[in-house]
């Protein structure tokens, strides 16, 4: 069973700063950092919501309707997940993964988090 990754505000902030630095015309480059930030920030309501808002914004920039719908659903369900404690630890947050599915952290995501830990 997947377990939460310890919350690291500085690492999360570094990941989100990299996301924000990517211009809309290169939105696809945001996804690796967004997925890593999602996995790291799942236990924090505001961080979790911010990541999904950026995922929605990125899907919009890519004109990816399926991803946009998936992100809107995730944003709608986010309060329920946090109030109930049914957070999908390890889940990448993308629309190609079931909302409630807990999963091991993908190696590429763990590497992205480890890289963000280093200043």
Foldseek 3Di string as FASTA:
>chain_A
DADADAADVQLLVLLVVVQVPDDLVPLVVNLLSLLLSCLRCQQPLVSNLVSLVSQLVSCVSVVPVLQNVQSVVLNVCSVVCNVVVQTQHLDSSTSVDDRSHRDYNDPSSVVSSVVSVPD
